[in-house]
């Protein structure tokens, strides 16, 4: 007897999509993940299903992408001093915003949004590394990226 695994897996995917996050991974301490069949708890009402908001996920993702694009128009010098430290702080914010949107896109099962969030984390890391590595002696300094932190 031949089993059509694609059909079976599609059926399982549909069942999983119909469940909320709380039903899949309960967060309350002390309660078992699966109630025993011998003693059903009739007095414990299940918590209301949490609705997932695509708009909220997209808003977080667009905010993070906006930060990633806006840093390309950084108005201050990044050679040394306050401009450099502000740029590094902005790069850190891109990493944080990418992580924030990565968590939300993961929770709400948005694969393309999650990939974009991970790319934002990589983008912020590359921008920061471009400034930090010449200053700590790991990369070759040049006129744009000198080996100094503070202006003289």
C-alpha atoms as a PDB file:
ATOM      1  CA  UNK A   1       0.000   0.000   0.000  1.00  0.00           C
ATOM      2  CA  UNK A   2       1.474   3.308  -1.108  1.00  0.00           C
ATOM      3  CA  UNK A   3       1.028   6.375   1.092  1.00  0.00           C
ATOM      4  CA  UNK A   4       0.951   9.820  -0.493  1.00  0.00           C
ATOM      5  CA  UNK A   5       3.233  11.641   1.937  1.00  0.00           C
ATOM      6  CA  UNK A   6       2.730  15.040   0.320  1.00  0.00           C
ATOM      7  CA  UNK A   7      -1.001  14.799   0.978  1.00  0.00           C
ATOM      8  CA  UNK A   8      -0.441  13.642   4.562  1.00  0.00           C
ATOM      9  CA  UNK A   9       2.063  16.413   5.283  1.00  0.00           C
ATOM     10  CA  UNK A  10      -0.277  19.032   3.792  1.00  0.00           C
ATOM     11  CA  UNK A  11      -3.013  17.808   6.133  1.00  0.00           C
ATOM     12  CA  UNK A  12      -0.665  18.087   9.133  1.00  0.00           C
ATOM     13  CA  UNK A  13       0.410  21.597   8.059  1.00  0.00           C
ATOM     14  CA  UNK A  14      -3.229  22.699   7.861  1.00  0.00           C
ATOM     15  CA  UNK A  15      -3.885  21.348  11.344  1.00  0.00           C
ATOM     16  CA  UNK A  16      -0.841  23.155  12.758  1.00  0.00           C
ATOM     17  CA  UNK A  17      -1.791  26.437  11.066  1.00  0.00           C
ATOM     18  CA  UNK A  18      -5.243  26.309  12.657  1.00  0.00           C
ATOM     19  CA  UNK A  19      -3.726  26.254  16.169  1.00  0.00           C
ATOM     20  CA  UNK A  20      -2.616  29.381  18.017  1.00  0.00           C
ATOM     21  CA  UNK A  21       0.873  29.803  19.431  1.00  0.00           C
ATOM     22  CA  UNK A  22      -0.397  29.283  22.977  1.00  0.00           C
ATOM     23  CA  UNK A  23      -2.045  26.002  22.032  1.00  0.00           C
ATOM     24  CA  UNK A  24       1.206  24.721  20.536  1.00  0.00           C
ATOM     25  CA  UNK A  25       3.506  25.983  23.307  1.00  0.00           C
ATOM     26  CA  UNK A  26       1.681  26.667  26.576  1.00  0.00           C
ATOM     27  CA  UNK A  27       3.417  29.264  28.708  1.00  0.00           C
ATOM     28  CA  UNK A  28       1.732  28.723  32.065  1.00  0.00           C
ATOM     29  CA  UNK A  29       3.969  27.060  34.650  1.00  0.00           C
ATOM     30  CA  UNK A  30       2.730  24.044  36.499  1.00  0.00           C
ATOM     31  CA  UNK A  31       0.318  22.897  33.814  1.00  0.00           C
ATOM     32  CA  UNK A  32       1.238  19.924  31.666  1.00  0.00           C
ATOM     33  CA  UNK A  33       1.698  20.431  27.955  1.00  0.00           C
ATOM     34  CA  UNK A  34      -0.902  17.725  27.283  1.00  0.00           C
ATOM     35  CA  UNK A  35      -3.752  17.150  29.699  1.00  0.00           C
ATOM     36  CA  UNK A  36      -4.132  13.557  30.767  1.00  0.00           C
ATOM     37  CA  UNK A  37      -7.093  11.717  29.272  1.00  0.00           C
ATOM     38  CA  UNK A  38      -7.879  10.002  32.569  1.00  0.00           C
ATOM     39  CA  UNK A  39      -8.714  13.193  34.461  1.00  0.00           C
ATOM     40  CA  UNK A  40      -9.970  16.009  32.191  1.00  0.00           C
ATOM     41  CA  UNK A  41     -10.102  19.365  33.904  1.00  0.00           C
ATOM     42  CA  UNK A  42     -13.617  20.630  33.257  1.00  0.00           C
ATOM     43  CA  UNK A  43     -13.204  23.717  35.432  1.00  0.00           C
ATOM     44  CA  UNK A  44     -10.111  25.001  33.625  1.00  0.00           C
ATOM     45  CA  UNK A  45     -11.278  26.968  30.609  1.00  0.00           C
ATOM     46  CA  UNK A  46      -8.667  27.297  27.886  1.00  0.00           C
ATOM     47  CA  UNK A  47      -7.326  30.802  27.386  1.00  0.00           C
ATOM     48  CA  UNK A  48      -8.739  32.667  24.405  1.00  0.00           C
ATOM     49  CA  UNK A  49      -6.793  32.098  21.219  1.00  0.00           C
ATOM     50  CA  UNK A  50      -4.354  34.897  20.511  1.00  0.00           C
ATOM     51  CA  UNK A  51      -4.808  36.427  17.095  1.00  0.00           C
ATOM     52  CA  UNK A  52      -1.676  37.031  15.084  1.00  0.00           C
ATOM     53  CA  UNK A  53      -1.421  40.433  13.495  1.00  0.00           C
ATOM     54  CA  UNK A  54       0.340  40.632  10.161  1.00  0.00           C
ATOM     55  CA  UNK A  55       0.190  44.413  10.394  1.00  0.00           C
ATOM     56  CA  UNK A  56       2.206  44.433  13.629  1.00  0.00           C
ATOM     57  CA  UNK A  57       4.844  42.138  12.145  1.00  0.00           C
ATOM     58  CA  UNK A  58       5.102  44.274   9.008  1.00  0.00           C
ATOM     59  CA  UNK A  59       5.353  47.475  11.059  1.00  0.00           C
ATOM     60  CA  UNK A  60       8.294  46.103  13.050  1.00  0.00           C
ATOM     61  CA  UNK A  61       9.966  44.846   9.896  1.00  0.00           C
ATOM     62  CA  UNK A  62       9.481  48.140   8.038  1.00  0.00           C
ATOM     63  CA  UNK A  63      10.904  50.075  10.982  1.00  0.00           C
ATOM     64  CA  UNK A  64      14.006  47.893  10.970  1.00  0.00           C
ATOM     65  CA  UNK A  65      14.381  48.139   7.180  1.00  0.00           C
ATOM     66  CA  UNK A  66      13.953  51.915   7.423  1.00  0.00           C
ATOM     67  CA  UNK A  67      16.844  52.089   9.882  1.00  0.00           C
ATOM     68  CA  UNK A  68      18.979  49.911   7.625  1.00  0.00           C
ATOM     69  CA  UNK A  69      18.341  52.146   4.616  1.00  0.00           C
ATOM     70  CA  UNK A  70      18.586  55.443   6.499  1.00  0.00           C
ATOM     71  CA  UNK A  71      22.115  54.755   7.701  1.00  0.00           C
ATOM     72  CA  UNK A  72      23.272  54.983   4.085  1.00  0.00           C
ATOM     73  CA  UNK A  73      22.504  58.711   4.356  1.00  0.00           C
ATOM     74  CA  UNK A  74      24.518  59.241   7.566  1.00  0.00           C
ATOM     75  CA  UNK A  75      25.257  63.010   7.612  1.00  0.00           C
ATOM     76  CA  UNK A  76      28.286  63.096   9.938  1.00  0.00           C
ATOM     77  CA  UNK A  77      31.917  62.104   9.545  1.00  0.00           C
ATOM     78  CA  UNK A  78      32.733  58.584  10.717  1.00  0.00           C
ATOM     79  CA  UNK A  79      36.509  59.099  10.861  1.00  0.00           C
ATOM     80  CA  UNK A  80      36.668  59.785  14.599  1.00  0.00           C
ATOM     81  CA  UNK A  81      34.935  61.273  17.610  1.00  0.00           C
ATOM     82  CA  UNK A  82      31.220  61.754  18.178  1.00  0.00           C
ATOM     83  CA  UNK A  83      30.282  61.080  14.555  1.00  0.00           C
ATOM     84  CA  UNK A  84      31.954  57.675  14.765  1.00  0.00           C
ATOM     85  CA  UNK A  85      30.325  56.773  18.075  1.00  0.00           C
ATOM     86  CA  UNK A  86      26.916  57.904  16.811  1.00  0.00           C
ATOM     87  CA  UNK A  87      27.388  55.780  13.696  1.00  0.00           C
ATOM     88  CA  UNK A  88      28.331  52.748  15.788  1.00  0.00           C
ATOM     89  CA  UNK A  89      25.276  53.320  18.005  1.00  0.00           C
ATOM     90  CA  UNK A  90      23.072  53.532  14.897  1.00  0.00           C
ATOM     91  CA  UNK A  91      24.629  50.312  13.589  1.00  0.00           C
ATOM     92  CA  UNK A  92      23.879  48.665  16.924  1.00  0.00           C
ATOM     93  CA  UNK A  93      20.272  49.865  16.651  1.00  0.00           C
ATOM     94  CA  UNK A  94      20.001  48.193  13.231  1.00  0.00           C
ATOM     95  CA  UNK A  95      21.211  44.939  14.787  1.00  0.00           C
ATOM     96  CA  UNK A  96      18.743  45.288  17.675  1.00  0.00           C
ATOM     97  CA  UNK A  97      15.838  46.190  15.352  1.00  0.00           C
ATOM     98  CA  UNK A  98      16.721  43.259  13.092  1.00  0.00           C
ATOM     99  CA  UNK A  99      16.719  40.923  16.094  1.00  0.00           C
ATOM    100  CA  UNK A 100      13.431  42.383  17.328  1.00  0.00           C
ATOM    101  CA  UNK A 101      11.761  41.861  13.960  1.00  0.00           C
ATOM    102  CA  UNK A 102      13.380  38.411  13.617  1.00  0.00           C
ATOM    103  CA  UNK A 103      11.731  37.289  16.853  1.00  0.00           C
ATOM    104  CA  UNK A 104       8.329  38.529  15.726  1.00  0.00           C
ATOM    105  CA  UNK A 105       8.578  37.136  12.197  1.00  0.00           C
ATOM    106  CA  UNK A 106       9.616  33.784  13.670  1.00  0.00           C
ATOM    107  CA  UNK A 107       6.674  33.751  16.073  1.00  0.00           C
ATOM    108  CA  UNK A 108       4.216  34.648  13.334  1.00  0.00           C
ATOM    109  CA  UNK A 109       5.696  32.261  10.783  1.00  0.00           C
ATOM    110  CA  UNK A 110       6.687  34.830   8.185  1.00  0.00           C
ATOM    111  CA  UNK A 111       9.549  33.149   6.359  1.00  0.00           C
ATOM    112  CA  UNK A 112      10.426  35.954   3.953  1.00  0.00           C
ATOM    113  CA  UNK A 113      10.203  38.537   6.732  1.00  0.00           C
ATOM    114  CA  UNK A 114      12.449  36.399   8.915  1.00  0.00           C
ATOM    115  CA  UNK A 115      15.076  36.134   6.186  1.00  0.00           C
ATOM    116  CA  UNK A 116      14.955  39.917   5.717  1.00  0.00           C
ATOM    117  CA  UNK A 117      15.358  40.385   9.487  1.00  0.00           C
ATOM    118  CA  UNK A 118      18.412  38.138   9.533  1.00  0.00           C
ATOM    119  CA  UNK A 119      19.859  40.086   6.600  1.00  0.00           C
ATOM    120  CA  UNK A 120      19.356  43.298   8.601  1.00  0.00           C
ATOM    121  CA  UNK A 121      21.305  41.814  11.502  1.00  0.00           C
ATOM    122  CA  UNK A 122      24.083  40.914   9.065  1.00  0.00           C
ATOM    123  CA  UNK A 123      23.943  44.408   7.492  1.00  0.00           C
ATOM    124  CA  UNK A 124      24.281  46.167  10.852  1.00  0.00           C
ATOM    125  CA  UNK A 125      27.121  43.848  11.845  1.00  0.00           C
ATOM    126  CA  UNK A 126      28.990  44.538   8.604  1.00  0.00           C
ATOM    127  CA  UNK A 127      28.589  48.304   8.988  1.00  0.00           C
ATOM    128  CA  UNK A 128      29.931  48.202  12.541  1.00  0.00           C
ATOM    129  CA  UNK A 129      32.768  45.842  11.604  1.00  0.00           C
ATOM    130  CA  UNK A 130      33.818  48.164   8.792  1.00  0.00           C
ATOM    131  CA  UNK A 131      34.471  50.891  11.365  1.00  0.00           C
ATOM    132  CA  UNK A 132      35.736  48.843  14.304  1.00  0.00           C
ATOM    133  CA  UNK A 133      38.137  46.346  12.702  1.00  0.00           C
ATOM    134  CA  UNK A 134      40.684  48.916  11.380  1.00  0.00           C
ATOM    135  CA  UNK A 135      40.729  50.588  14.794  1.00  0.00           C
ATOM    136  CA  UNK A 136      41.506  47.426  16.730  1.00  0.00           C
ATOM    137  CA  UNK A 137      44.263  46.348  14.350  1.00  0.00           C
ATOM    138  CA  UNK A 138      42.457  43.495  12.627  1.00  0.00           C
ATOM    139  CA  UNK A 139      41.994  45.233   9.251  1.00  0.00           C
ATOM    140  CA  UNK A 140      44.210  47.611   7.305  1.00  0.00           C
ATOM    141  CA  UNK A 141      43.458  51.276   8.117  1.00  0.00           C
ATOM    142  CA  UNK A 142      43.018  53.762   5.267  1.00  0.00           C
ATOM    143  CA  UNK A 143      42.022  57.422   4.887  1.00  0.00           C
ATOM    144  CA  UNK A 144      38.303  56.701   5.284  1.00  0.00           C
ATOM    145  CA  UNK A 145      38.781  54.263   8.171  1.00  0.00           C
ATOM    146  CA  UNK A 146      41.809  55.453  10.169  1.00  0.00           C
ATOM    147  CA  UNK A 147      43.165  53.620  13.195  1.00  0.00           C
ATOM    148  CA  UNK A 148      42.063  56.309  15.688  1.00  0.00           C
ATOM    149  CA  UNK A 149      38.946  56.581  17.844  1.00  0.00           C
ATOM    150  CA  UNK A 150      39.122  60.207  18.973  1.00  0.00           C
ATOM    151  CA  UNK A 151      39.980  63.236  16.858  1.00  0.00           C
ATOM    152  CA  UNK A 152      43.167  65.088  17.797  1.00  0.00           C
END
